[in-house]
Amino acid sequence: PRGQLLSGQCWSVASCGHGRRAWAVKEEQVQLWAAEILLALEGLHQQGVLCRDLNPRNLLLDAAGHVRLTFFGQWTEVEPQCCSQAQEQLYSAPEVGGITEPTEAADCWSFGSLLYELLTGMPLSQNHPSGIQPHTQLHLPEGLSLAATSLLTELLEYDPKRRLGSGGGGMAKLKSHSFFSTISWNKLVG
């Protein structure tokens, strides 16, 4: 088929419960996919659209192996409520569904949750079944690079104001993180 569901691949491996050893996607491939996702998010944010629950079901791989974003069931312009399943599975930021209005930082959390799954082969919720609270120690499996560990820690920051990618110039800061040091941003097509 023209497009293969990345989520199908991701979910089948993650749901097997075999952990990182069963996950065969190299970090270099995840870096490229992450960069493509980030460019798409940046484009949506420039148009004033928040995703709020970016998750594997929103990703497709095209015939060339590039990531494409598909419909987000929770576009802020489409539906004001957040999907409870996305919150339970930790794809939605802790502040989504609360009393404060979500910002682009919420998408940075979702991006981090998705990257956690792509890098480890298991959903964030599997290693944090009680959720993430302000003082939760993020469980990161061994074998991740220092750059990947740093990126996940900064994206999965509970406080949206301290989360990487939040505030003015947030996307530029995210793109300049060491995890993306090998990415030629000007050569990528979003």
Foldseek 3Di string as FASTA:
>chain_A
DFKDQPVVVLVVQQVVPPKQVSQDDDLVLLLQQLLLVLVVLVVCVVVVKALQQDASRQWIQGPVRHIDGHDRPCICVPDVADDVVSVQLQLFAPCHPHDDDDDNLRNLSNSLQRSLSNNISHGQCVVVVVHDDQPDDRDHDPDDDPLNVVSSCQSNHNDSVRHQQDDPCRSVRSCPRPSNVVPPSVPDDD
